[in-house]
Protein backbone atom coordinates (compact mmCIF):
# COMPACT_ATOMS: atom_id res chain seq x y z
CA MET A 1 96.27 76.51 71.80
CA VAL A 2 95.74 79.94 73.44
CA GLN A 3 94.09 82.58 71.29
CA ALA A 4 94.06 86.33 71.94
CA VAL A 5 90.70 88.00 71.42
CA ASN A 6 89.49 91.54 71.93
CA ASN A 7 87.44 92.39 75.01
CA HIS A 8 85.71 89.03 75.32
CA PRO A 9 83.00 89.27 77.99
CA ILE A 10 83.20 86.98 81.01
CA SER A 11 80.02 85.24 82.13
CA GLY A 12 79.13 86.54 85.57
CA VAL A 13 81.13 89.80 85.35
CA TYR A 14 79.45 93.18 84.86
CA LEU A 15 81.29 96.50 84.55
CA GLY A 16 79.92 100.00 84.94
CA THR A 17 81.65 103.38 84.66
CA THR A 18 80.94 107.07 85.10
CA GLN A 19 82.52 110.51 84.98
CA ALA A 20 82.31 111.73 88.56
CA GLY A 21 84.65 114.71 88.27
CA ILE A 22 87.49 113.21 90.29
CA LYS A 23 89.77 113.65 87.28
CA LYS A 24 89.50 116.40 84.70
CA PRO A 25 86.02 117.03 83.25
CA GLY A 26 85.03 114.56 80.57
CA LYS A 27 87.24 111.76 81.93
CA THR A 28 85.86 108.46 83.20
CA ASP A 29 87.09 108.01 86.76
CA ILE A 30 84.86 105.52 88.63
CA VAL A 31 84.60 101.85 87.71
CA VAL A 32 82.42 99.23 89.39
CA MET A 33 82.93 95.54 88.65
CA LYS A 34 80.16 93.23 89.87
CA PHE A 35 80.58 89.45 90.18
CA VAL A 36 77.95 86.73 90.22
CA GLU A 37 77.43 85.04 93.58
CA GLY A 38 79.83 82.14 94.10
CA SER A 39 82.76 83.88 92.44
CA LEU A 40 86.21 83.63 94.02
CA THR A 41 88.92 86.31 93.92
CA ALA A 42 92.70 86.16 94.37
CA GLY A 43 94.86 89.22 94.95
CA THR A 44 98.42 90.53 95.14
CA PHE A 45 99.34 93.90 96.61
CA THR A 46 102.13 96.44 96.92
CA LEU A 47 104.90 95.91 99.47
CA ASN A 48 105.29 99.66 99.99
CA GLN A 49 105.04 100.25 103.76
CA PHE A 50 103.02 103.42 103.10
CA CYS A 51 100.39 101.38 101.28
CA ALA A 52 97.25 103.30 100.43
CA ALA A 53 94.08 103.07 102.50
CA PRO A 54 92.21 101.11 99.80
CA VAL A 55 95.03 98.54 99.71
CA THR A 56 94.81 98.06 103.47
CA LEU A 57 91.05 97.71 103.31
CA ALA A 58 91.02 95.42 100.26
CA LYS A 59 93.51 93.05 101.91
CA ARG A 60 91.42 93.01 105.09
CA TYR A 61 88.14 92.34 103.30
CA LEU A 62 89.62 89.74 100.96
CA SER A 63 90.98 87.73 103.90
CA THR A 64 87.47 87.14 105.26
CA HIS A 65 85.00 87.44 102.38
CA ALA A 66 84.49 86.41 98.76
CA PRO A 67 84.11 89.73 96.92
CA ARG A 68 80.93 90.53 95.03
CA ALA A 69 82.31 93.78 93.59
CA LEU A 70 85.34 95.96 93.01
CA LEU A 71 85.28 99.76 93.20
CA ILE A 72 88.09 101.49 91.34
CA ASN A 73 88.70 105.21 91.04
CA SER A 74 91.35 107.20 89.19
CA GLY A 75 92.47 110.75 89.89
CA ASN A 76 93.03 110.30 93.62
CA ALA A 77 95.23 107.65 95.28
CA ASN A 78 93.81 107.96 98.81
CA ALA A 79 97.38 107.29 100.01
CA GLY A 80 99.15 109.12 102.80
CA THR A 81 95.74 110.04 104.18
CA GLY A 82 95.93 108.33 107.59
CA LYS A 83 92.85 107.12 109.45
CA GLN A 84 90.58 109.44 107.48
CA GLY A 85 91.64 107.64 104.31
CA LEU A 86 90.44 104.32 105.73
CA LEU A 87 87.13 105.85 106.81
CA ASP A 88 86.68 107.34 103.35
CA ALA A 89 87.45 104.03 101.62
CA GLU A 90 84.96 102.26 103.89
CA ALA A 91 82.31 104.85 103.04
CA THR A 92 82.74 104.33 99.30
CA CYS A 93 82.48 100.56 99.73
CA ALA A 94 79.31 101.02 101.77
CA TRP A 95 77.71 103.01 98.95
CA VAL A 96 78.51 100.25 96.45
CA ALA A 97 77.21 97.60 98.84
CA GLN A 98 73.98 99.55 99.26
CA GLU A 99 73.49 99.75 95.49
CA LEU A 100 74.22 96.05 94.93
CA GLY A 101 72.57 94.62 98.04
CA CYS A 102 75.67 92.95 99.42
CA ALA A 103 77.80 93.30 102.56
CA VAL A 104 80.28 96.16 102.71
CA GLU A 105 83.08 93.62 103.26
CA GLU A 106 82.21 92.09 99.88
CA VAL A 107 83.37 95.26 98.08
CA LEU A 108 87.10 95.76 97.48
CA PRO A 109 88.30 99.36 96.91
CA PHE A 110 91.18 100.43 94.66
CA SER A 111 92.48 103.92 93.90
CA THR A 112 95.09 105.54 91.68
CA GLY A 113 96.17 109.15 91.27
CA VAL A 114 97.76 111.88 93.35
CA ILE A 115 99.08 110.88 96.80
CA GLY A 116 98.20 112.84 99.95
CA GLN A 117 94.73 114.10 99.05
CA ASN A 118 91.49 113.01 100.69
CA LEU A 119 88.79 111.46 98.54
CA PRO A 120 86.09 113.89 97.36
CA LEU A 121 83.33 111.82 98.94
CA ALA A 122 80.44 113.83 97.51
CA LYS A 123 81.58 112.91 94.01
CA PHE A 124 81.68 109.22 94.96
CA GLU A 125 78.25 109.33 96.58
CA LYS A 126 76.79 110.76 93.37
CA GLY A 127 78.93 108.81 90.92
CA ILE A 128 78.62 105.27 92.31
CA PRO A 129 74.86 104.93 91.55
CA ASP A 130 75.55 106.16 88.02
CA ALA A 131 78.28 103.55 87.51
CA VAL A 132 76.06 100.78 88.88
CA ALA A 133 73.25 101.86 86.56
CA ASN A 134 75.63 101.35 83.64
CA LEU A 135 76.67 97.78 84.53
CA THR A 136 77.09 95.60 81.45
CA VAL A 137 79.00 92.47 80.44
CA SER A 138 80.59 94.45 77.60
CA GLY A 139 82.04 97.22 79.75
CA TRP A 140 85.71 96.16 79.64
CA ASP A 141 86.86 98.88 77.24
CA ASN A 142 85.26 101.69 79.24
CA ALA A 143 86.67 100.20 82.43
CA ALA A 144 90.17 100.08 80.95
CA ARG A 145 89.90 103.77 80.14
CA GLY A 146 88.39 104.62 83.50
CA ILE A 147 91.40 103.39 85.50
CA MET A 148 93.96 105.40 83.47
CA THR A 149 95.97 108.30 84.92
CA THR A 150 99.05 109.32 82.90
CA ASP A 151 98.51 106.34 80.59
CA LEU A 152 98.28 107.25 76.94
CA VAL A 153 96.43 104.10 75.90
CA PRO A 154 94.10 101.61 77.63
CA LYS A 155 95.58 98.18 78.32
CA GLN A 156 93.43 95.10 77.89
CA VAL A 157 93.97 91.47 76.95
CA SER A 158 91.48 88.65 76.45
CA LYS A 159 92.20 84.96 75.87
CA GLN A 160 90.41 81.69 75.38
CA ILE A 161 91.74 78.22 76.09
CA GLU A 162 90.28 74.73 75.99
CA ILE A 163 90.48 72.77 79.26
CA ASP A 164 89.05 69.24 79.46
CA GLY A 165 87.01 69.93 76.34
CA HIS A 166 85.52 73.15 77.73
CA LEU A 167 86.15 76.67 76.44
CA VAL A 168 87.52 78.90 79.21
CA THR A 169 87.72 82.67 78.76
CA MET A 170 89.83 85.20 80.65
CA THR A 171 89.99 88.97 80.23
CA GLY A 172 92.15 91.51 82.02
CA ILE A 173 92.79 95.25 82.13
CA ALA A 174 95.66 97.18 83.67
CA LYS A 175 96.88 100.72 84.17
CA GLY A 176 100.36 102.06 84.66
CA SER A 177 102.80 104.34 82.92
CA GLY A 178 105.04 105.81 85.60
CA MET A 179 106.04 104.98 89.18
CA ILE A 180 106.70 101.46 87.92
CA HIS A 181 109.00 99.02 89.73
CA PRO A 182 108.76 95.48 91.15
CA ASN A 183 107.40 94.63 94.59
CA MET A 184 104.13 94.31 92.75
CA ALA A 185 105.34 96.54 89.94
CA THR A 186 103.47 99.78 90.10
CA MET A 187 100.11 99.43 88.52
CA LEU A 188 96.55 98.29 88.92
CA GLY A 189 95.38 95.13 87.21
CA PHE A 190 91.99 93.43 87.21
CA ALA A 191 91.25 90.15 85.47
CA ALA A 192 88.40 87.66 85.44
CA THR A 193 87.73 84.20 84.10
CA ASP A 194 84.69 81.96 83.87
CA ALA A 195 86.76 78.90 84.88
CA LYS A 196 85.77 76.62 87.73
CA ILE A 197 88.75 76.63 90.10
CA ASN A 198 89.25 76.58 93.86
CA GLN A 199 90.67 79.48 95.89
CA ALA A 200 94.11 77.98 96.50
CA CYS A 201 94.74 77.22 92.83
CA LEU A 202 93.40 80.61 91.76
CA GLN A 203 95.74 82.42 94.16
CA GLN A 204 98.71 80.30 93.10
CA ALA A 205 98.06 81.01 89.41
CA LEU A 206 97.89 84.75 90.05
CA SER A 207 100.95 84.85 92.32
CA ASP A 208 103.04 82.86 89.85
CA ALA A 209 101.91 85.04 86.95
CA VAL A 210 102.65 88.31 88.77
CA LYS A 211 106.13 87.08 89.70
CA VAL A 212 107.22 86.80 86.06
CA SER A 213 105.18 89.69 84.63
CA PHE A 214 104.33 92.73 86.77
CA ASN A 215 107.29 91.98 89.05
CA ARG A 216 109.67 92.00 86.09
CA ILE A 217 108.98 95.46 84.72
CA THR A 218 110.46 98.80 85.70
CA VAL A 219 110.15 102.28 84.25
CA ASP A 220 111.70 104.48 86.92
CA GLY A 221 112.46 102.42 90.03
CA ASP A 222 109.60 103.81 92.14
CA THR A 223 107.31 101.29 93.82
CA SER A 224 103.85 102.75 94.29
CA THR A 225 101.68 102.93 97.38
CA ASN A 226 98.67 101.61 95.47
CA ASP A 227 99.76 98.52 93.50
CA ALA A 228 97.20 95.77 93.33
CA CYS A 229 96.20 92.99 90.98
CA THR A 230 93.16 90.72 91.26
CA LEU A 231 91.94 87.65 89.42
CA THR A 232 88.31 86.58 89.82
CA ALA A 233 86.88 83.21 88.77
CA THR A 234 83.10 83.21 88.30
CA GLN A 235 82.83 79.38 88.15
CA GLN A 236 80.39 79.65 85.23
CA VAL A 237 81.87 77.03 82.90
CA ASN A 238 80.38 73.56 83.39
CA MET A 239 83.75 71.86 83.74
CA PRO A 240 85.49 69.72 86.37
CA MET A 241 86.75 71.88 89.23
CA ILE A 242 90.49 72.64 89.06
CA GLU A 243 91.59 71.54 92.52
CA SER A 244 95.29 70.68 92.25
CA VAL A 245 98.30 72.67 91.04
CA ASP A 246 99.73 69.36 89.83
CA SER A 247 96.87 68.71 87.41
CA ALA A 248 97.13 69.14 83.66
CA ALA A 249 94.09 71.42 83.77
CA TYR A 250 95.81 73.73 86.23
CA GLN A 251 98.94 73.90 84.10
CA LEU A 252 96.89 74.98 81.10
CA PHE A 253 94.98 77.53 83.14
CA SER A 254 98.06 78.92 84.89
CA GLY A 255 99.97 79.19 81.62
CA ALA A 256 97.18 81.23 80.03
CA VAL A 257 96.96 83.53 83.07
CA THR A 258 100.71 84.11 82.91
CA GLU A 259 100.53 84.90 79.18
CA MET A 260 97.75 87.41 79.80
CA MET A 261 99.53 89.13 82.68
CA LEU A 262 102.82 89.27 80.76
CA GLU A 263 101.11 90.94 77.81
CA LEU A 264 99.50 93.49 80.14
CA ALA A 265 102.82 94.13 81.93
CA GLN A 266 104.66 94.70 78.67
CA MET A 267 101.90 97.08 77.55
CA ILE A 268 102.64 99.14 80.67
CA VAL A 269 106.32 99.35 79.74
CA ARG A 270 105.56 100.33 76.15
CA ASP A 271 103.31 103.09 77.50
CA GLY A 272 105.95 104.25 80.00
CA GLU A 273 105.88 107.98 80.62
CA GLY A 274 107.75 109.61 77.75
CA ALA A 275 109.14 106.26 76.60
CA THR A 276 110.61 105.99 73.12
CA LYS A 277 112.28 102.58 73.57
CA PHE A 278 111.08 99.17 74.75
CA VAL A 279 114.06 97.45 76.32
CA THR A 280 114.47 93.79 77.23
CA VAL A 281 117.29 93.08 79.70
CA GLU A 282 118.09 89.38 79.76
CA VAL A 283 120.67 87.90 82.12
CA ASN A 284 121.72 84.32 81.36
CA GLU A 285 123.94 81.67 82.90
CA GLY A 286 123.63 82.97 86.44
CA ALA A 287 124.15 80.88 89.56
CA THR A 288 120.87 82.07 91.10
CA ALA A 289 117.75 83.99 90.12
CA GLU A 290 118.68 86.61 92.71
CA GLU A 291 121.99 87.49 91.10
CA CYS A 292 120.47 87.52 87.63
CA LEU A 293 117.82 89.98 88.82
CA LYS A 294 120.46 92.11 90.55
CA VAL A 295 122.27 92.56 87.27
CA ALA A 296 119.13 93.01 85.17
CA ASN A 297 117.60 95.60 87.50
CA THR A 298 120.86 97.52 87.91
CA ILE A 299 121.04 97.94 84.15
CA ALA A 300 117.33 98.70 83.79
CA LEU A 301 117.38 101.29 86.58
CA SER A 302 120.57 103.09 85.58
CA PRO A 303 119.74 106.71 84.60
CA LEU A 304 122.92 106.79 82.50
CA VAL A 305 121.93 103.66 80.59
CA LYS A 306 118.38 104.92 80.15
CA THR A 307 119.43 108.32 78.86
CA ALA A 308 121.90 106.70 76.45
CA LEU A 309 119.02 104.58 75.16
CA PHE A 310 116.93 107.71 74.60
CA ALA A 311 119.80 109.29 72.67
CA SER A 312 120.36 106.06 70.70
CA ASP A 313 123.96 106.34 71.87
CA PRO A 314 125.89 103.02 71.93
CA ASN A 315 127.79 104.11 75.05
CA TRP A 316 128.43 100.51 76.08
CA GLY A 317 130.65 101.53 78.99
CA ARG A 318 127.53 102.54 80.93
CA ILE A 319 126.16 99.00 80.62
CA LEU A 320 129.51 97.49 81.62
CA ALA A 321 129.65 99.75 84.69
CA ALA A 322 126.11 98.77 85.73
CA VAL A 323 126.98 95.07 85.57
CA GLY A 324 130.07 95.69 87.65
CA ARG A 325 128.23 97.49 90.44
CA ALA A 326 125.27 95.13 90.63
CA GLY A 327 126.67 93.44 93.73
CA VAL A 328 127.32 89.93 92.39
CA GLU A 329 129.98 88.35 94.56
CA ASN A 330 133.13 86.94 92.94
CA LEU A 331 132.05 88.06 89.48
CA ASP A 332 134.52 86.92 86.84
CA ILE A 333 134.63 89.88 84.49
CA ASP A 334 136.97 88.04 82.12
CA ALA A 335 134.43 85.25 81.62
CA LEU A 336 131.17 87.17 81.15
CA GLU A 337 129.89 88.59 77.87
CA ILE A 338 127.56 91.53 77.18
CA TYR A 339 125.51 92.00 74.02
CA LEU A 340 123.48 94.75 72.36
CA GLY A 341 121.04 92.75 70.30
CA ASP A 342 123.25 90.16 68.61
CA VAL A 343 126.31 92.41 68.78
CA CYS A 344 128.87 91.42 71.41
CA ILE A 345 130.14 94.57 73.10
CA VAL A 346 132.13 93.11 76.03
CA ARG A 347 134.30 90.00 76.16
CA ASP A 348 137.52 89.09 78.03
CA GLY A 349 137.07 91.97 80.46
CA GLY A 350 136.81 94.74 77.88
CA ARG A 351 135.45 95.77 74.50
CA ALA A 352 134.90 92.74 72.29
CA ALA A 353 137.55 92.54 69.57
CA GLU A 354 134.95 92.36 66.80
CA TYR A 355 132.81 95.23 68.10
CA THR A 356 132.38 98.30 65.91
CA GLU A 357 130.62 101.56 66.68
CA GLU A 358 128.57 101.14 63.51
CA ALA A 359 127.23 97.77 64.67
CA GLY A 360 126.31 99.14 68.11
CA GLN A 361 124.68 102.19 66.56
CA ALA A 362 122.50 100.05 64.32
CA VAL A 363 121.06 98.28 67.37
CA MET A 364 120.54 101.51 69.34
CA ASN A 365 118.63 103.03 66.44
CA GLU A 366 115.90 100.40 66.89
CA THR A 367 112.73 101.02 68.92
CA ASP A 368 112.85 97.57 70.54
CA ILE A 369 116.27 96.84 72.02
CA LYS A 370 117.64 93.80 73.82
CA ILE A 371 120.55 93.95 76.26
CA ARG A 372 121.92 90.51 77.10
CA VAL A 373 124.43 89.55 79.76
CA ASP A 374 125.88 86.03 79.92
CA LEU A 375 127.40 85.65 83.37
CA LYS A 376 128.97 82.21 82.71
CA ARG A 377 128.27 81.16 86.31
CA GLY A 378 125.39 78.69 86.07
CA TYR A 379 122.14 77.87 84.32
CA VAL A 380 119.59 80.46 85.55
CA THR A 381 118.00 83.10 83.29
CA GLU A 382 115.93 86.11 84.33
CA THR A 383 114.41 88.87 82.20
CA VAL A 384 113.33 92.42 83.03
CA TRP A 385 111.58 94.88 80.73
CA THR A 386 112.17 98.62 80.91
CA THR A 387 112.22 101.91 78.97
CA ASP A 388 114.52 104.82 78.26
CA PHE A 389 114.39 108.20 80.01
CA SER A 390 113.28 111.01 77.73
CA TYR A 391 112.72 114.75 78.10
CA ASP A 392 109.01 113.99 78.27
CA TYR A 393 109.44 111.76 81.34
CA VAL A 394 110.79 114.73 83.29
CA LYS A 395 108.09 117.04 81.92
CA ILE A 396 105.22 114.65 82.69
CA ASN A 397 106.33 114.12 86.28
CA ALA A 398 107.30 117.73 86.88
CA GLU A 399 103.84 118.85 85.84
CA TYR A 400 101.86 115.87 87.25
CA ARG A 401 99.84 117.93 89.75
CA SER A 402 99.42 121.04 87.60
C-alpha cells in the first residue's frame, strides 16, 4: 500500500536555499541539494539539440561520478550561451564543491529561466555559501518554491512504501508551467529516496517513470532546452539491495516512483500557464503505441481544440479533424468512435446519432475533461494530459521578459 505524505524528509538528503537576486527581489532562486556519501543518482534529460549548458555539464559529470550535490537556479536558463555558458556552469559547480569539500564533477548544475542570457556569476558566488549554510533535511518546501519560474504553485509529492518489511520513503519536487512538451516534457524534477538500490535498477525505474509521466504531458508543444529529472537513492534503509528489475522488490519500488512522477507531471499540467481546464486525452484500441500517441498529441496540441476547450465550446468537429490529420495509415473512420466524457460525439464516420449539443455542452462546462478516441484497430492504449489555451497564456508569454 503506497501512502502520500507531505514533504517527508529523506535520510541523507539536505536542502538549502537563498535569495540571490537572480529573479525578482524577494524570490528564492538558488537551491543546493546535498547527498550523503554513497548515494547514487539517475537522470533523464531534454532531447532539444540546443540543450542548455548545465544540461551538457550535468550529463558529462553524471557519466563519470556519483553526485554529492545538485545546484539549481531559477531566473536564468544559461541556454544559448555557447562556450561561456559551459564555463559559467563549471564555475558555479566549483563554488558548491568548495563549500561542501567534494570534487567539482560531483556537483550537477541545473538552470531554468530566460534563454540567451549569461549567468550573473557574482550573485552565484555570494548566494551559494548562503544556500549551503541553510542546508536542512526539512528544506523540500523551500526548494520547491526556489525552482519556480512562471509556476503559480510549488509542486511536491512524498510517498512511503513497505519493501521486504522495511519502510522506504521517496520525495520529489518539480517545476513547469509553460514550454511543456514530451522529449523529456519541459520541466525540472528532483526526487530522492532512502532505498538501497543499484545504479542500473535506479536508472531503469526513473526512465520507465518519465516515459509515462513527464513524457505524456503537453501544454503548448514547445520542448525546452533545460529539461532534466533526477532520482537519487541514499542507500540509508537497512534493507536487501534491489539488484534486479525482475524482483518483487523492484516492482514495488518502480511502481511507487512512477506514481510519484505521474502526480508531479499532472501538477505541472494543472498549473499550465493560464490554464482553466485539465484535459485527459485517451486513445484506445490502437495497433501500436506510436499511432495512439500520434492521435493523442495531435488533439492535445491543436490550437483550435485548445481554444474551444477554453471557451467551453463543444465544437466536436475540431476534435474529429485532429484525429483525421494525425497521420495514422489506413484509418477506418467508419469504425472509430470519439467521446467527450461519456458522450459519444462521432460514430460511423460522422456525428453520433444520439449526440446532442446539450450533452456535449455539459461535459465542456467541467474543469476536468476527458477526450476519448477508440480506434478499433488493436489493443494498445496511451494517455496524454494537456490544458486549454486562454487569454492569460498569451499574456504570460508575451510579457515573460518584461
